[in-house]
PDB file of N, CA and C in Angstrom:
ATOM      1  N   UNK A   1     122.006 -21.389 -34.710  1.00  0.00           N
ATOM      2  CA  UNK A   1     122.146 -21.641 -36.203  1.00  0.00           C
ATOM      3  C   UNK A   1     123.103 -22.644 -36.473  1.00  0.00           C
ATOM      4  N   UNK A   2     123.713 -23.304 -35.435  1.00  0.00           N
ATOM      5  CA  UNK A   2     124.631 -24.504 -35.784  1.00  0.00           C
ATOM      6  C   UNK A   2     123.932 -25.501 -36.434  1.00  0.00           C
ATOM      7  N   UNK A   3     124.354 -25.916 -37.728  1.00  0.00           N
ATOM      8  CA  UNK A   3     123.649 -26.650 -38.575  1.00  0.00           C
ATOM      9  C   UNK A   3     123.283 -28.191 -37.983  1.00  0.00           C
ATOM     10  N   UNK A   4     124.042 -28.760 -37.325  1.00  0.00           N
ATOM     11  CA  UNK A   4     123.872 -30.117 -36.828  1.00  0.00           C
ATOM     12  C   UNK A   4     122.640 -30.197 -35.702  1.00  0.00           C
ATOM     13  N   UNK A   5     122.560 -29.116 -35.007  1.00  0.00           N
ATOM     14  CA  UNK A   5     121.592 -29.160 -34.078  1.00  0.00           C
ATOM     15  C   UNK A   5     120.396 -28.321 -34.353  1.00  0.00           C
ATOM     16  N   UNK A   6     120.372 -27.497 -35.442  1.00  0.00           N
ATOM     17  CA  UNK A   6     119.440 -26.717 -35.772  1.00  0.00           C
ATOM     18  C   UNK A   6     118.066 -27.297 -36.135  1.00  0.00           C
ATOM     19  N   UNK A   7     118.139 -28.484 -36.688  1.00  0.00           N
ATOM     20  CA  UNK A   7     116.958 -29.259 -37.076  1.00  0.00           C
ATOM     21  C   UNK A   7     116.166 -29.765 -35.806  1.00  0.00           C
ATOM     22  N   UNK A   8     116.841 -29.838 -34.815  1.00  0.00           N
ATOM     23  CA  UNK A   8     116.300 -30.284 -33.419  1.00  0.00           C
ATOM     24  C   UNK A   8     115.795 -29.231 -32.652  1.00  0.00           C
ATOM     25  N   UNK A   9     116.634 -28.011 -32.550  1.00  0.00           N
ATOM     26  CA  UNK A   9     116.388 -26.932 -31.836  1.00  0.00           C
ATOM     27  C   UNK A   9     115.374 -25.962 -32.364  1.00  0.00           C
ATOM     28  N   UNK A  10     115.341 -25.831 -33.770  1.00  0.00           N
ATOM     29  CA  UNK A  10     114.333 -24.950 -34.362  1.00  0.00           C
ATOM     30  C   UNK A  10     112.956 -25.076 -34.169  1.00  0.00           C
ATOM     31  N   UNK A  11     112.438 -26.430 -34.031  1.00  0.00           N
ATOM     32  CA  UNK A  11     111.023 -26.396 -33.661  1.00  0.00           C
ATOM     33  C   UNK A  11     110.676 -25.946 -32.183  1.00  0.00           C
ATOM     34  N   UNK A  12     111.504 -26.123 -31.417  1.00  0.00           N
ATOM     35  CA  UNK A  12     111.391 -25.635 -29.959  1.00  0.00           C
ATOM     36  C   UNK A  12     111.422 -24.133 -30.019  1.00  0.00           C
ATOM     37  N   UNK A  13     112.487 -23.625 -30.716  1.00  0.00           N
ATOM     38  CA  UNK A  13     112.602 -22.130 -30.763  1.00  0.00           C
ATOM     39  C   UNK A  13     111.299 -21.562 -31.402  1.00  0.00           C
ATOM     40  N   UNK A  14     110.766 -22.186 -32.463  1.00  0.00           N
ATOM     41  CA  UNK A  14     109.560 -21.683 -33.121  1.00  0.00           C
ATOM     42  C   UNK A  14     108.294 -21.837 -32.128  1.00  0.00           C
ATOM     43  N   UNK A  15     108.311 -22.663 -31.236  1.00  0.00           N
ATOM     44  CA  UNK A  15     107.294 -22.855 -30.402  1.00  0.00           C
ATOM     45  C   UNK A  15     107.302 -21.638 -29.235  1.00  0.00           C
ATOM     46  N   UNK A  16     108.455 -21.226 -28.977  1.00  0.00           N
ATOM     47  CA  UNK A  16     108.599 -20.332 -27.922  1.00  0.00           C
ATOM     48  C   UNK A  16     108.542 -18.778 -28.390  1.00  0.00           C
ATOM     49  N   UNK A  17     109.189 -18.547 -29.434  1.00  0.00           N
ATOM     50  CA  UNK A  17     109.279 -17.179 -29.965  1.00  0.00           C
ATOM     51  C   UNK A  17     108.984 -17.102 -31.486  1.00  0.00           C
ATOM     52  N   UNK A  18     108.720 -15.818 -32.039  1.00  0.00           N
ATOM     53  CA  UNK A  18     108.453 -15.736 -33.465  1.00  0.00           C
ATOM     54  C   UNK A  18     109.789 -15.753 -34.101  1.00  0.00           C
ATOM     55  N   UNK A  19     109.898 -16.559 -34.942  1.00  0.00           N
ATOM     56  CA  UNK A  19     111.204 -16.881 -35.721  1.00  0.00           C
ATOM     57  C   UNK A  19     110.994 -16.503 -37.118  1.00  0.00           C
ATOM     58  N   UNK A  20     111.901 -15.545 -37.693  1.00  0.00           N
ATOM     59  CA  UNK A  20     111.741 -15.078 -39.057  1.00  0.00           C
ATOM     60  C   UNK A  20     111.983 -16.302 -39.975  1.00  0.00           C
ATOM     61  N   UNK A  21     111.262 -16.235 -41.100  1.00  0.00           N
ATOM     62  CA  UNK A  21     111.264 -17.329 -42.096  1.00  0.00           C
ATOM     63  C   UNK A  21     112.698 -17.468 -42.632  1.00  0.00           C
ATOM     64  N   UNK A  22     113.489 -16.371 -42.881  1.00  0.00           N
ATOM     65  CA  UNK A  22     114.937 -16.582 -43.341  1.00  0.00           C
ATOM     66  C   UNK A  22     115.736 -17.398 -42.404  1.00  0.00           C
ATOM     67  N   UNK A  23     115.440 -17.278 -41.044  1.00  0.00           N
ATOM     68  CA  UNK A  23     116.258 -18.228 -40.015  1.00  0.00           C
ATOM     69  C   UNK A  23     115.994 -19.672 -40.274  1.00  0.00           C
ATOM     70  N   UNK A  24     114.698 -19.922 -40.504  1.00  0.00           N
ATOM     71  CA  UNK A  24     114.242 -21.423 -40.654  1.00  0.00           C
ATOM     72  C   UNK A  24     114.876 -21.836 -41.846  1.00  0.00           C
ATOM     73  N   UNK A  25     114.805 -21.065 -42.940  1.00  0.00           N
ATOM     74  CA  UNK A  25     115.333 -21.514 -44.211  1.00  0.00           C
ATOM     75  C   UNK A  25     116.772 -21.711 -44.259  1.00  0.00           C
ATOM     76  N   UNK A  26     117.538 -20.816 -43.676  1.00  0.00           N
ATOM     77  CA  UNK A  26     119.007 -20.727 -43.682  1.00  0.00           C
ATOM     78  C   UNK A  26     119.424 -22.070 -42.704  1.00  0.00           C
ATOM     79  N   UNK A  27     118.771 -22.292 -41.703  1.00  0.00           N
ATOM     80  CA  UNK A  27     119.213 -23.395 -40.887  1.00  0.00           C
ATOM     81  C   UNK A  27     119.080 -24.681 -41.582  1.00  0.00           C
ATOM     82  N   UNK A  28     117.947 -24.816 -42.250  1.00  0.00           N
ATOM     83  CA  UNK A  28     117.667 -26.049 -42.980  1.00  0.00           C
ATOM     84  C   UNK A  28     118.588 -26.259 -44.151  1.00  0.00           C
ATOM     85  N   UNK A  29     118.870 -25.077 -44.952  1.00  0.00           N
ATOM     86  CA  UNK A  29     119.800 -25.255 -45.983  1.00  0.00           C
ATOM     87  C   UNK A  29     121.247 -25.510 -45.634  1.00  0.00           C
ATOM     88  N   UNK A  30     121.735 -25.010 -44.493  1.00  0.00           N
ATOM     89  CA  UNK A  30     123.045 -25.222 -44.012  1.00  0.00           C
ATOM     90  C   UNK A  30     123.210 -26.623 -43.538  1.00  0.00           C
ATOM     91  N   UNK A  31     122.094 -27.058 -42.729  1.00  0.00           N
ATOM     92  CA  UNK A  31     122.131 -28.412 -42.326  1.00  0.00           C
ATOM     93  C   UNK A  31     122.275 -29.435 -43.371  1.00  0.00           C
ATOM     94  N   UNK A  32     121.427 -29.298 -44.422  1.00  0.00           N
ATOM     95  CA  UNK A  32     121.405 -30.206 -45.627  1.00  0.00           C
ATOM     96  C   UNK A  32     122.707 -30.178 -46.265  1.00  0.00           C
ATOM     97  N   UNK A  33     123.171 -29.057 -46.576  1.00  0.00           N
ATOM     98  CA  UNK A  33     124.500 -28.899 -47.281  1.00  0.00           C
ATOM     99  C   UNK A  33     125.720 -29.713 -46.611  1.00  0.00           C
ATOM    100  N   UNK A  34     125.679 -29.279 -45.322  1.00  0.00           N
ATOM    101  CA  UNK A  34     126.916 -29.941 -44.502  1.00  0.00           C
ATOM    102  C   UNK A  34     126.723 -31.499 -44.397  1.00  0.00           C
ATOM    103  N   UNK A  35     125.446 -31.903 -44.313  1.00  0.00           N
ATOM    104  CA  UNK A  35     125.208 -33.391 -44.185  1.00  0.00           C
ATOM    105  C   UNK A  35     125.471 -34.033 -45.507  1.00  0.00           C
ATOM    106  N   UNK A  36     125.143 -33.348 -46.467  1.00  0.00           N
ATOM    107  CA  UNK A  36     125.529 -33.914 -47.895  1.00  0.00           C
ATOM    108  C   UNK A  36     127.138 -34.003 -48.124  1.00  0.00           C
ATOM    109  N   UNK A  37     127.740 -32.955 -47.745  1.00  0.00           N
ATOM    110  CA  UNK A  37     129.233 -32.912 -47.834  1.00  0.00           C
ATOM    111  C   UNK A  37     129.756 -34.122 -47.029  1.00  0.00           C
ATOM    112  N   UNK A  38     129.423 -34.306 -45.749  1.00  0.00           N
ATOM    113  CA  UNK A  38     129.904 -35.451 -44.898  1.00  0.00           C
ATOM    114  C   UNK A  38     129.626 -36.760 -45.547  1.00  0.00           C
ATOM    115  N   UNK A  39     128.318 -37.017 -46.010  1.00  0.00           N
ATOM    116  CA  UNK A  39     128.139 -38.302 -46.662  1.00  0.00           C
ATOM    117  C   UNK A  39     128.703 -38.526 -47.904  1.00  0.00           C
ATOM    118  N   UNK A  40     128.917 -37.575 -48.666  1.00  0.00           N
ATOM    119  CA  UNK A  40     129.669 -37.678 -49.926  1.00  0.00           C
ATOM    120  C   UNK A  40     131.104 -38.135 -49.727  1.00  0.00           C
ATOM    121  N   UNK A  41     131.805 -37.463 -48.797  1.00  0.00           N
ATOM    122  CA  UNK A  41     133.137 -37.803 -48.437  1.00  0.00           C
ATOM    123  C   UNK A  41     133.297 -39.248 -47.914  1.00  0.00           C
ATOM    124  N   UNK A  42     132.307 -39.630 -47.075  1.00  0.00           N
ATOM    125  CA  UNK A  42     132.371 -40.956 -46.546  1.00  0.00           C
ATOM    126  C   UNK A  42     132.261 -42.001 -47.697  1.00  0.00           C
ATOM    127  N   UNK A  43     131.320 -41.728 -48.471  1.00  0.00           N
ATOM    128  CA  UNK A  43     131.067 -42.605 -49.763  1.00  0.00           C
ATOM    129  C   UNK A  43     132.258 -42.589 -50.632  1.00  0.00           C
ATOM    130  N   UNK A  44     132.780 -41.518 -50.933  1.00  0.00           N
ATOM    131  CA  UNK A  44     133.834 -41.405 -52.001  1.00  0.00           C
ATOM    132  C   UNK A  44     135.142 -42.077 -51.374  1.00  0.00           C
ATOM    133  N   UNK A  45     135.377 -41.718 -50.186  1.00  0.00           N
ATOM    134  CA  UNK A  45     136.725 -42.205 -49.556  1.00  0.00           C
ATOM    135  C   UNK A  45     136.583 -43.758 -49.117  1.00  0.00           C
ATOM    136  N   UNK A  46     135.435 -44.040 -48.563  1.00  0.00           N
ATOM    137  CA  UNK A  46     135.454 -45.418 -48.036  1.00  0.00           C
ATOM    138  C   UNK A  46     134.837 -46.400 -48.997  1.00  0.00           C
ATOM    139  N   UNK A  47     133.521 -46.281 -49.253  1.00  0.00           N
ATOM    140  CA  UNK A  47     132.796 -47.351 -49.926  1.00  0.00           C
ATOM    141  C   UNK A  47     133.337 -47.504 -51.299  1.00  0.00           C
ATOM    142  N   UNK A  48     133.532 -46.523 -52.037  1.00  0.00           N
ATOM    143  CA  UNK A  48     134.238 -46.581 -53.503  1.00  0.00           C
ATOM    144  C   UNK A  48     135.598 -47.191 -53.457  1.00  0.00           C
ATOM    145  N   UNK A  49     136.490 -47.000 -52.504  1.00  0.00           N
ATOM    146  CA  UNK A  49     137.695 -47.557 -52.463  1.00  0.00           C
ATOM    147  C   UNK A  49     137.781 -48.968 -51.916  1.00  0.00           C
ATOM    148  N   UNK A  50     137.003 -49.198 -50.923  1.00  0.00           N
ATOM    149  CA  UNK A  50     137.034 -50.541 -50.427  1.00  0.00           C
ATOM    150  C   UNK A  50     136.076 -51.555 -50.872  1.00  0.00           C
ATOM    151  N   UNK A  51     134.799 -51.122 -50.964  1.00  0.00           N
ATOM    152  CA  UNK A  51     133.804 -51.949 -51.468  1.00  0.00           C
ATOM    153  C   UNK A  51     133.087 -52.738 -50.276  1.00  0.00           C
ATOM    154  N   UNK A  52     133.315 -52.503 -49.168  1.00  0.00           N
ATOM    155  CA  UNK A  52     132.663 -53.147 -48.053  1.00  0.00           C
ATOM    156  C   UNK A  52     132.219 -52.357 -47.026  1.00  0.00           C
ATOM    157  N   UNK A  53     131.380 -52.700 -46.076  1.00  0.00           N
ATOM    158  CA  UNK A  53     130.775 -51.942 -45.074  1.00  0.00           C
ATOM    159  C   UNK A  53     131.749 -51.472 -44.053  1.00  0.00           C
ATOM    160  N   UNK A  54     131.754 -50.114 -43.853  1.00  0.00           N
ATOM    161  CA  UNK A  54     132.950 -49.673 -42.938  1.00  0.00           C
ATOM    162  C   UNK A  54     132.420 -49.625 -41.484  1.00  0.00           C
ATOM    163  N   UNK A  55     133.393 -49.714 -40.540  1.00  0.00           N
ATOM    164  CA  UNK A  55     133.164 -49.583 -39.164  1.00  0.00           C
ATOM    165  C   UNK A  55     133.094 -48.104 -38.817  1.00  0.00           C
ATOM    166  N   UNK A  56     132.706 -47.775 -37.482  1.00  0.00           N
ATOM    167  CA  UNK A  56     132.702 -46.443 -37.174  1.00  0.00           C
ATOM    168  C   UNK A  56     134.036 -45.807 -36.913  1.00  0.00           C
ATOM    169  N   UNK A  57     135.068 -46.543 -36.607  1.00  0.00           N
ATOM    170  CA  UNK A  57     136.366 -46.080 -36.540  1.00  0.00           C
ATOM    171  C   UNK A  57     136.904 -45.780 -37.783  1.00  0.00           C
ATOM    172  N   UNK A  58     136.615 -46.460 -38.780  1.00  0.00           N
ATOM    173  CA  UNK A  58     137.196 -46.329 -40.180  1.00  0.00           C
ATOM    174  C   UNK A  58     136.354 -44.858 -40.625  1.00  0.00           C
ATOM    175  N   UNK A  59     135.165 -44.687 -40.490  1.00  0.00           N
ATOM    176  CA  UNK A  59     134.484 -43.513 -40.938  1.00  0.00           C
ATOM    177  C   UNK A  59     134.981 -42.293 -40.173  1.00  0.00           C
ATOM    178  N   UNK A  60     135.461 -42.484 -38.896  1.00  0.00           N
ATOM    179  CA  UNK A  60     135.922 -41.197 -38.213  1.00  0.00           C
ATOM    180  C   UNK A  60     137.254 -40.956 -38.960  1.00  0.00           C
ATOM    181  N   UNK A  61     138.021 -41.884 -39.199  1.00  0.00           N
ATOM    182  CA  UNK A  61     139.299 -41.760 -39.822  1.00  0.00           C
ATOM    183  C   UNK A  61     139.142 -41.034 -41.190  1.00  0.00           C
ATOM    184  N   UNK A  62     138.230 -41.444 -42.024  1.00  0.00           N
ATOM    185  CA  UNK A  62     137.909 -40.910 -43.289  1.00  0.00           C
ATOM    186  C   UNK A  62     137.534 -39.446 -43.210  1.00  0.00           C
ATOM    187  N   UNK A  63     136.729 -39.144 -42.296  1.00  0.00           N
ATOM    188  CA  UNK A  63     136.267 -37.729 -42.060  1.00  0.00           C
ATOM    189  C   UNK A  63     137.366 -36.872 -41.614  1.00  0.00           C
ATOM    190  N   UNK A  64     138.353 -37.312 -40.939  1.00  0.00           N
ATOM    191  CA  UNK A  64     139.537 -36.470 -40.433  1.00  0.00           C
ATOM    192  C   UNK A  64     140.545 -36.428 -41.509  1.00  0.00           C
ATOM    193  N   UNK A  65     140.547 -37.253 -42.513  1.00  0.00           N
ATOM    194  CA  UNK A  65     141.601 -37.125 -43.511  1.00  0.00           C
ATOM    195  C   UNK A  65     141.120 -36.251 -44.639  1.00  0.00           C
ATOM    196  N   UNK A  66     141.951 -35.687 -45.382  1.00  0.00           N
ATOM    197  CA  UNK A  66     141.542 -34.752 -46.319  1.00  0.00           C
ATOM    198  C   UNK A  66     142.192 -35.063 -47.749  1.00  0.00           C
TER     199      UNK A  66
END
């Protein structure tokens, strides 16, 4: 159920065993929510304040800052 990997693991899990619908729904909802939070923080901290394209090092620093 770890959200970042659930979108990749869930289809394999569904092919091997019978997966309850609430597991599929919860995995997708959690993954979308967490990815939205991460991208919102990157946009708010980086792009809005600097106005230029960030490097990976800068993005990592923004995610670690609070």
